[in-house]
Amino acid sequence: MGQSLSQLYVHLTFGTKGRQALLSEHLEARLHAYIAGILKKVESPALKINSVPDHIHILFRLSKNYALAKVVEEVKKESSKWMKVNGVEEFTWQIGYGAFSVSSSAVKTVEKYIERQKEHHHSASYKEEVDDFMRKFDVIEYDDNYFWN
């Protein structure tokens, strides 16, 4: 009998629509826990989740049974519903997302990076952060006019 194995780590980030500051600190811990639960349902355990008012970062291990796009769709759809039920009626996520592979040897570094999001964004905007990811990961399809609109 055959066996299918995978060990794929993904650093996922996406923002609120129009970069609205809707991710409040009083909802943050519950939102992160809810997203971790969504990821568990799609067999993609969360390793680290953190957010600032206008975007979120998630490090998770991608299931061998689900495509990345399906995992992202579930996370965004279900967490958006959750935000609305919890009093943020106008809440929606941006249409796109950034997803980057993470080697096993870099998981701890990325966890620390995600942990320090609040400090990081005292000196850099989300746009600067995404632009840096695009350069670092050599994403040639990146069109900042499209991504940010």
N, C-alpha and C. Protein backbone atom coordinates (compact mmCIF):
# COMPACT_ATOMS: atom_id res chain seq x y z
N MET A 1 0.85 -1.19 0.00
CA MET A 1 0.00 0.00 0.00
C MET A 1 0.89 1.25 0.00
N GLY A 2 0.54 2.24 -0.82
CA GLY A 2 1.32 3.46 -0.93
C GLY A 2 1.02 4.45 0.18
N GLN A 3 1.89 5.43 0.31
CA GLN A 3 1.72 6.47 1.32
C GLN A 3 2.05 7.81 0.69
N SER A 4 1.21 8.81 0.96
CA SER A 4 1.46 10.16 0.48
C SER A 4 1.90 11.02 1.65
N LEU A 5 3.01 11.69 1.50
CA LEU A 5 3.56 12.52 2.57
C LEU A 5 3.86 13.92 2.04
N SER A 6 3.69 14.90 2.90
CA SER A 6 4.10 16.26 2.53
C SER A 6 4.40 17.04 3.80
N GLN A 7 5.25 18.02 3.66
CA GLN A 7 5.61 18.90 4.77
C GLN A 7 5.82 20.28 4.14
N LEU A 8 4.70 20.98 3.87
CA LEU A 8 4.73 22.26 3.18
C LEU A 8 4.28 23.36 4.12
N TYR A 9 5.16 24.27 4.42
CA TYR A 9 4.83 25.41 5.28
C TYR A 9 4.54 26.62 4.41
N VAL A 10 3.51 27.37 4.80
CA VAL A 10 3.09 28.53 4.03
C VAL A 10 2.96 29.74 4.95
N HIS A 11 3.54 30.86 4.53
CA HIS A 11 3.34 32.15 5.19
C HIS A 11 2.31 32.88 4.34
N LEU A 12 1.13 33.07 4.90
CA LEU A 12 0.00 33.68 4.20
C LEU A 12 -0.26 35.06 4.79
N THR A 13 -0.49 36.02 3.93
CA THR A 13 -0.86 37.35 4.40
C THR A 13 -1.89 37.96 3.45
N PHE A 14 -2.85 38.67 4.04
CA PHE A 14 -3.84 39.41 3.27
C PHE A 14 -4.41 40.50 4.15
N GLY A 15 -4.99 41.50 3.50
CA GLY A 15 -5.47 42.67 4.22
C GLY A 15 -6.98 42.79 4.20
N THR A 16 -7.45 43.75 4.95
CA THR A 16 -8.86 44.10 4.90
C THR A 16 -9.11 44.88 3.62
N LYS A 17 -10.32 44.84 3.13
CA LYS A 17 -10.66 45.57 1.91
C LYS A 17 -10.41 47.06 2.14
N GLY A 18 -9.70 47.67 1.21
CA GLY A 18 -9.38 49.09 1.31
C GLY A 18 -8.45 49.44 2.46
N ARG A 19 -7.81 48.42 3.03
CA ARG A 19 -6.89 48.60 4.17
C ARG A 19 -7.57 49.29 5.35
N GLN A 20 -8.86 49.04 5.52
CA GLN A 20 -9.58 49.62 6.66
C GLN A 20 -9.07 48.99 7.95
N ALA A 21 -8.90 49.78 8.97
CA ALA A 21 -8.40 49.30 10.26
C ALA A 21 -9.56 48.69 11.07
N LEU A 22 -9.94 47.46 10.68
CA LEU A 22 -11.10 46.81 11.28
C LEU A 22 -10.76 45.65 12.20
N LEU A 23 -9.49 45.27 12.26
CA LEU A 23 -9.08 44.15 13.11
C LEU A 23 -8.69 44.70 14.48
N SER A 24 -9.67 44.84 15.34
CA SER A 24 -9.44 45.48 16.63
C SER A 24 -8.77 44.52 17.62
N GLU A 25 -8.05 45.10 18.55
CA GLU A 25 -7.36 44.30 19.56
C GLU A 25 -8.32 43.50 20.43
N HIS A 26 -9.53 44.01 20.66
CA HIS A 26 -10.44 43.28 21.54
C HIS A 26 -11.02 42.03 20.87
N LEU A 27 -10.96 41.93 19.53
CA LEU A 27 -11.43 40.73 18.82
C LEU A 27 -10.28 39.83 18.38
N GLU A 28 -9.09 40.36 18.41
CA GLU A 28 -7.94 39.71 17.80
C GLU A 28 -7.70 38.27 18.29
N ALA A 29 -7.64 38.04 19.58
CA ALA A 29 -7.34 36.69 20.10
C ALA A 29 -8.42 35.70 19.68
N ARG A 30 -9.66 36.10 19.74
CA ARG A 30 -10.74 35.19 19.34
C ARG A 30 -10.73 34.95 17.83
N LEU A 31 -10.44 35.99 17.04
CA LEU A 31 -10.34 35.82 15.60
C LEU A 31 -9.23 34.84 15.25
N HIS A 32 -8.08 35.00 15.87
CA HIS A 32 -6.94 34.12 15.60
C HIS A 32 -7.30 32.67 15.95
N ALA A 33 -7.95 32.48 17.08
CA ALA A 33 -8.37 31.13 17.48
C ALA A 33 -9.38 30.56 16.49
N TYR A 34 -10.29 31.39 16.02
CA TYR A 34 -11.29 30.94 15.06
C TYR A 34 -10.61 30.52 13.75
N ILE A 35 -9.67 31.32 13.29
CA ILE A 35 -8.94 30.98 12.06
C ILE A 35 -8.15 29.68 12.25
N ALA A 36 -7.55 29.51 13.42
CA ALA A 36 -6.84 28.25 13.70
C ALA A 36 -7.80 27.07 13.60
N GLY A 37 -9.03 27.25 14.05
CA GLY A 37 -10.04 26.19 13.94
C GLY A 37 -10.42 25.90 12.50
N ILE A 38 -10.53 26.94 11.68
CA ILE A 38 -10.82 26.76 10.26
C ILE A 38 -9.69 25.95 9.61
N LEU A 39 -8.47 26.33 9.92
CA LEU A 39 -7.32 25.63 9.34
C LEU A 39 -7.28 24.16 9.79
N LYS A 40 -7.65 23.91 11.02
CA LYS A 40 -7.69 22.53 11.51
C LYS A 40 -8.71 21.71 10.71
N LYS A 41 -9.85 22.32 10.39
CA LYS A 41 -10.89 21.61 9.61
C LYS A 41 -10.41 21.23 8.21
N VAL A 42 -9.50 22.01 7.66
CA VAL A 42 -8.96 21.70 6.34
C VAL A 42 -7.56 21.06 6.46
N GLU A 43 -7.33 20.43 7.60
CA GLU A 43 -6.12 19.63 7.83
C GLU A 43 -4.83 20.41 7.60
N SER A 44 -4.85 21.68 7.94
CA SER A 44 -3.70 22.56 7.72
C SER A 44 -3.41 23.33 9.01
N PRO A 45 -2.76 22.68 9.97
CA PRO A 45 -2.60 23.29 11.29
C PRO A 45 -1.85 24.62 11.29
N ALA A 46 -2.39 25.56 12.05
CA ALA A 46 -1.76 26.87 12.22
C ALA A 46 -0.57 26.74 13.17
N LEU A 47 0.51 27.41 12.82
CA LEU A 47 1.67 27.48 13.70
C LEU A 47 1.76 28.83 14.39
N LYS A 48 1.37 29.89 13.67
CA LYS A 48 1.41 31.24 14.24
C LYS A 48 0.45 32.12 13.47
N ILE A 49 -0.33 32.90 14.20
CA ILE A 49 -1.26 33.86 13.59
C ILE A 49 -1.11 35.17 14.36
N ASN A 50 -1.01 36.26 13.62
CA ASN A 50 -0.97 37.57 14.26
C ASN A 50 -1.53 38.60 13.27
N SER A 51 -2.07 39.66 13.82
CA SER A 51 -2.66 40.69 12.96
C SER A 51 -2.38 42.07 13.54
N VAL A 52 -2.51 43.03 12.66
CA VAL A 52 -2.55 44.44 13.01
C VAL A 52 -3.87 44.95 12.47
N PRO A 53 -4.27 46.18 12.71
CA PRO A 53 -5.62 46.60 12.34
C PRO A 53 -6.03 46.41 10.88
N ASP A 54 -5.07 46.40 9.93
CA ASP A 54 -5.48 46.31 8.52
C ASP A 54 -5.03 45.06 7.77
N HIS A 55 -4.34 44.13 8.44
CA HIS A 55 -3.95 42.89 7.76
C HIS A 55 -3.55 41.80 8.76
N ILE A 56 -3.41 40.60 8.22
CA ILE A 56 -3.12 39.43 9.05
C ILE A 56 -2.00 38.62 8.41
N HIS A 57 -1.24 37.93 9.27
CA HIS A 57 -0.21 36.98 8.84
C HIS A 57 -0.52 35.64 9.48
N ILE A 58 -0.40 34.58 8.70
CA ILE A 58 -0.68 33.24 9.18
C ILE A 58 0.42 32.31 8.67
N LEU A 59 1.03 31.57 9.58
CA LEU A 59 1.97 30.52 9.21
C LEU A 59 1.27 29.19 9.49
N PHE A 60 1.18 28.34 8.48
CA PHE A 60 0.52 27.05 8.68
C PHE A 60 1.19 25.98 7.83
N ARG A 61 0.89 24.72 8.19
CA ARG A 61 1.37 23.58 7.40
C ARG A 61 0.24 23.16 6.47
N LEU A 62 0.46 23.23 5.18
CA LEU A 62 -0.56 22.95 4.18
C LEU A 62 -0.84 21.45 4.09
N SER A 63 -2.11 21.10 4.15
CA SER A 63 -2.55 19.72 4.02
C SER A 63 -2.19 19.16 2.65
N LYS A 64 -1.91 17.88 2.62
CA LYS A 64 -1.68 17.22 1.33
C LYS A 64 -2.99 16.98 0.59
N ASN A 65 -4.13 17.18 1.28
CA ASN A 65 -5.44 16.89 0.70
C ASN A 65 -6.19 18.10 0.18
N TYR A 66 -5.66 19.31 0.38
CA TYR A 66 -6.35 20.53 -0.03
C TYR A 66 -5.39 21.43 -0.80
N ALA A 67 -5.90 22.03 -1.85
CA ALA A 67 -5.11 23.02 -2.59
C ALA A 67 -5.01 24.31 -1.78
N LEU A 68 -3.91 25.02 -1.94
CA LEU A 68 -3.70 26.28 -1.24
C LEU A 68 -4.88 27.23 -1.45
N ALA A 69 -5.33 27.39 -2.68
CA ALA A 69 -6.42 28.32 -2.98
C ALA A 69 -7.68 27.96 -2.20
N LYS A 70 -7.96 26.69 -2.04
CA LYS A 70 -9.15 26.25 -1.28
C LYS A 70 -8.98 26.57 0.20
N VAL A 71 -7.82 26.36 0.74
CA VAL A 71 -7.56 26.67 2.15
C VAL A 71 -7.74 28.17 2.38
N VAL A 72 -7.16 28.99 1.52
CA VAL A 72 -7.27 30.45 1.66
C VAL A 72 -8.73 30.87 1.52
N GLU A 73 -9.43 30.31 0.56
CA GLU A 73 -10.85 30.63 0.37
C GLU A 73 -11.65 30.35 1.65
N GLU A 74 -11.43 29.20 2.25
CA GLU A 74 -12.16 28.84 3.47
C GLU A 74 -11.82 29.78 4.62
N VAL A 75 -10.54 30.07 4.79
CA VAL A 75 -10.11 30.97 5.88
C VAL A 75 -10.75 32.34 5.70
N LYS A 76 -10.67 32.90 4.51
CA LYS A 76 -11.20 34.25 4.29
C LYS A 76 -12.72 34.28 4.39
N LYS A 77 -13.39 33.31 3.78
CA LYS A 77 -14.86 33.28 3.78
C LYS A 77 -15.41 33.11 5.20
N GLU A 78 -14.91 32.11 5.91
CA GLU A 78 -15.45 31.82 7.24
C GLU A 78 -15.07 32.89 8.27
N SER A 79 -13.85 33.42 8.18
CA SER A 79 -13.45 34.46 9.14
C SER A 79 -14.19 35.77 8.87
N SER A 80 -14.49 36.04 7.61
CA SER A 80 -15.27 37.24 7.27
C SER A 80 -16.67 37.14 7.87
N LYS A 81 -17.29 35.97 7.74
CA LYS A 81 -18.61 35.75 8.36
C LYS A 81 -18.52 35.94 9.88
N TRP A 82 -17.47 35.41 10.47
CA TRP A 82 -17.28 35.50 11.92
C TRP A 82 -17.17 36.96 12.36
N MET A 83 -16.41 37.76 11.62
CA MET A 83 -16.26 39.17 11.95
C MET A 83 -17.61 39.88 11.91
N LYS A 84 -18.43 39.58 10.92
CA LYS A 84 -19.75 40.21 10.79
C LYS A 84 -20.66 39.81 11.95
N VAL A 85 -20.64 38.54 12.31
CA VAL A 85 -21.45 38.07 13.44
C VAL A 85 -20.99 38.73 14.75
N ASN A 86 -19.72 39.06 14.82
CA ASN A 86 -19.16 39.66 16.03
C ASN A 86 -19.12 41.19 15.99
N GLY A 87 -20.00 41.77 15.20
CA GLY A 87 -20.24 43.20 15.29
C GLY A 87 -19.55 44.09 14.28
N VAL A 88 -18.79 43.52 13.37
CA VAL A 88 -18.12 44.35 12.36
C VAL A 88 -18.84 44.10 11.03
N GLU A 89 -20.04 44.66 10.92
CA GLU A 89 -20.94 44.36 9.79
C GLU A 89 -20.35 44.69 8.43
N GLU A 90 -19.53 45.71 8.35
CA GLU A 90 -18.97 46.14 7.06
C GLU A 90 -17.70 45.38 6.68
N PHE A 91 -17.37 44.33 7.41
CA PHE A 91 -16.09 43.65 7.23
C PHE A 91 -16.02 42.82 5.94
N THR A 92 -14.93 42.99 5.21
CA THR A 92 -14.54 42.09 4.11
C THR A 92 -13.02 42.11 3.99
N TRP A 93 -12.50 41.00 3.50
CA TRP A 93 -11.07 40.92 3.21
C TRP A 93 -10.83 41.42 1.79
N GLN A 94 -9.60 41.79 1.50
CA GLN A 94 -9.21 42.12 0.13
C GLN A 94 -9.42 40.89 -0.74
N ILE A 95 -9.48 41.08 -2.05
CA ILE A 95 -9.70 39.96 -2.96
C ILE A 95 -8.48 39.03 -3.02
N GLY A 96 -7.30 39.57 -3.09
CA GLY A 96 -6.10 38.75 -3.26
C GLY A 96 -5.44 38.35 -1.96
N TYR A 97 -4.29 37.74 -2.08
CA TYR A 97 -3.48 37.34 -0.93
C TYR A 97 -2.05 37.10 -1.38
N GLY A 98 -1.15 37.03 -0.43
CA GLY A 98 0.22 36.64 -0.70
C GLY A 98 0.49 35.36 0.08
N ALA A 99 1.02 34.36 -0.58
CA ALA A 99 1.36 33.09 0.07
C ALA A 99 2.78 32.71 -0.36
N PHE A 100 3.61 32.42 0.62
CA PHE A 100 5.02 32.19 0.37
C PHE A 100 5.47 30.91 1.04
N SER A 101 6.23 30.10 0.34
CA SER A 101 6.73 28.86 0.92
C SER A 101 7.80 29.18 1.96
N VAL A 102 7.83 28.34 2.97
CA VAL A 102 8.79 28.50 4.06
C VAL A 102 9.49 27.17 4.26
N SER A 103 10.82 27.18 4.24
CA SER A 103 11.56 25.93 4.47
C SER A 103 11.46 25.55 5.95
N SER A 104 11.61 24.27 6.21
CA SER A 104 11.55 23.78 7.60
C SER A 104 12.55 24.51 8.48
N SER A 105 13.72 24.80 7.92
CA SER A 105 14.76 25.47 8.71
C SER A 105 14.42 26.92 9.04
N ALA A 106 13.45 27.52 8.31
CA ALA A 106 13.09 28.92 8.54
C ALA A 106 11.80 29.10 9.33
N VAL A 107 11.15 28.02 9.73
CA VAL A 107 9.85 28.12 10.42
C VAL A 107 9.95 28.98 11.68
N LYS A 108 10.95 28.75 12.50
CA LYS A 108 11.08 29.52 13.76
C LYS A 108 11.31 31.01 13.47
N THR A 109 12.08 31.32 12.46
CA THR A 109 12.33 32.71 12.08
C THR A 109 11.05 33.38 11.64
N VAL A 110 10.24 32.70 10.84
CA VAL A 110 8.98 33.27 10.37
C VAL A 110 7.99 33.40 11.53
N GLU A 111 7.98 32.44 12.44
CA GLU A 111 7.12 32.56 13.63
C GLU A 111 7.45 33.83 14.41
N LYS A 112 8.73 34.08 14.61
CA LYS A 112 9.17 35.29 15.33
C LYS A 112 8.78 36.55 14.57
N TYR A 113 8.95 36.52 13.25
CA TYR A 113 8.57 37.66 12.42
C TYR A 113 7.08 37.97 12.58
N ILE A 114 6.26 36.95 12.52
CA ILE A 114 4.82 37.13 12.66
C ILE A 114 4.47 37.61 14.07
N GLU A 115 5.14 37.07 15.06
CA GLU A 115 4.93 37.50 16.45
C GLU A 115 5.17 38.99 16.64
N ARG A 116 6.15 39.53 15.93
CA ARG A 116 6.56 40.92 16.12
C ARG A 116 5.87 41.90 15.17
N GLN A 117 4.73 41.54 14.61
CA GLN A 117 4.06 42.40 13.64
C GLN A 117 3.75 43.80 14.17
N LYS A 118 3.28 43.90 15.38
CA LYS A 118 2.91 45.22 15.90
C LYS A 118 4.12 46.14 15.98
N GLU A 119 5.25 45.62 16.44
CA GLU A 119 6.47 46.44 16.50
C GLU A 119 6.96 46.76 15.08
N HIS A 120 6.91 45.77 14.21
CA HIS A 120 7.38 45.95 12.84
C HIS A 120 6.63 47.09 12.14
N HIS A 121 5.33 47.19 12.37
CA HIS A 121 4.54 48.18 11.65
C HIS A 121 4.56 49.56 12.28
N HIS A 122 5.38 49.73 13.29
CA HIS A 122 5.66 51.10 13.76
C HIS A 122 6.61 51.80 12.79
N SER A 123 7.39 50.99 12.04
CA SER A 123 8.38 51.59 11.14
C SER A 123 8.16 51.27 9.67
N ALA A 124 7.25 50.34 9.34
CA ALA A 124 7.03 49.98 7.94
C ALA A 124 5.54 49.77 7.69
N SER A 125 5.08 50.24 6.54
CA SER A 125 3.67 50.05 6.17
C SER A 125 3.47 48.65 5.62
N TYR A 126 2.22 48.23 5.51
CA TYR A 126 1.90 46.94 4.91
C TYR A 126 2.36 46.90 3.45
N LYS A 127 2.20 48.00 2.74
CA LYS A 127 2.65 48.06 1.34
C LYS A 127 4.16 47.85 1.25
N GLU A 128 4.91 48.51 2.12
CA GLU A 128 6.36 48.33 2.14
C GLU A 128 6.72 46.87 2.45
N GLU A 129 5.98 46.28 3.37
CA GLU A 129 6.21 44.89 3.74
C GLU A 129 5.95 43.96 2.55
N VAL A 130 4.82 44.13 1.88
CA VAL A 130 4.48 43.29 0.73
C VAL A 130 5.48 43.51 -0.41
N ASP A 131 5.83 44.75 -0.69
CA ASP A 131 6.82 45.03 -1.73
C ASP A 131 8.14 44.32 -1.42
N ASP A 132 8.52 44.30 -0.15
CA ASP A 132 9.74 43.61 0.27
C ASP A 132 9.62 42.10 0.03
N PHE A 133 8.47 41.51 0.37
CA PHE A 133 8.24 40.08 0.10
C PHE A 133 8.36 39.79 -1.39
N MET A 134 7.79 40.67 -2.22
CA MET A 134 7.80 40.44 -3.66
C MET A 134 9.24 40.43 -4.20
N ARG A 135 10.06 41.33 -3.69
CA ARG A 135 11.48 41.35 -4.09
C ARG A 135 12.20 40.11 -3.55
N LYS A 136 11.99 39.82 -2.28
CA LYS A 136 12.68 38.70 -1.62
C LYS A 136 12.35 37.37 -2.29
N PHE A 137 11.08 37.17 -2.64
CA PHE A 137 10.65 35.90 -3.22
C PHE A 137 10.61 35.94 -4.74
N ASP A 138 11.08 37.04 -5.32
CA ASP A 138 11.20 37.20 -6.77
C ASP A 138 9.88 36.88 -7.49
N VAL A 139 8.81 37.51 -7.01
CA VAL A 139 7.48 37.30 -7.59
C VAL A 139 7.35 38.23 -8.79
N ILE A 140 7.51 37.67 -9.97
CA ILE A 140 7.52 38.50 -11.18
C ILE A 140 6.12 38.91 -11.63
N GLU A 141 5.08 38.17 -11.19
CA GLU A 141 3.71 38.49 -11.61
C GLU A 141 3.12 39.66 -10.82
N TYR A 142 3.80 40.13 -9.81
CA TYR A 142 3.28 41.17 -8.92
C TYR A 142 3.03 42.47 -9.67
N ASP A 143 1.81 42.94 -9.57
CA ASP A 143 1.42 44.23 -10.13
C ASP A 143 0.84 45.04 -8.98
N ASP A 144 1.63 45.95 -8.45
CA ASP A 144 1.18 46.68 -7.25
C ASP A 144 -0.08 47.50 -7.49
N ASN A 145 -0.32 47.95 -8.72
CA ASN A 145 -1.56 48.67 -9.01
C ASN A 145 -2.78 47.76 -8.81
N TYR A 146 -2.66 46.51 -9.25
CA TYR A 146 -3.75 45.56 -9.11
C TYR A 146 -3.90 45.09 -7.65
N PHE A 147 -2.77 44.72 -7.04
CA PHE A 147 -2.79 44.17 -5.69
C PHE A 147 -3.40 45.13 -4.68
N TRP A 148 -3.14 46.42 -4.83
CA TRP A 148 -3.56 47.39 -3.83
C TRP A 148 -4.90 48.05 -4.15
N ASN A 149 -5.54 47.70 -5.24
CA ASN A 149 -6.84 48.28 -5.59
C ASN A 149 -7.95 47.26 -5.44
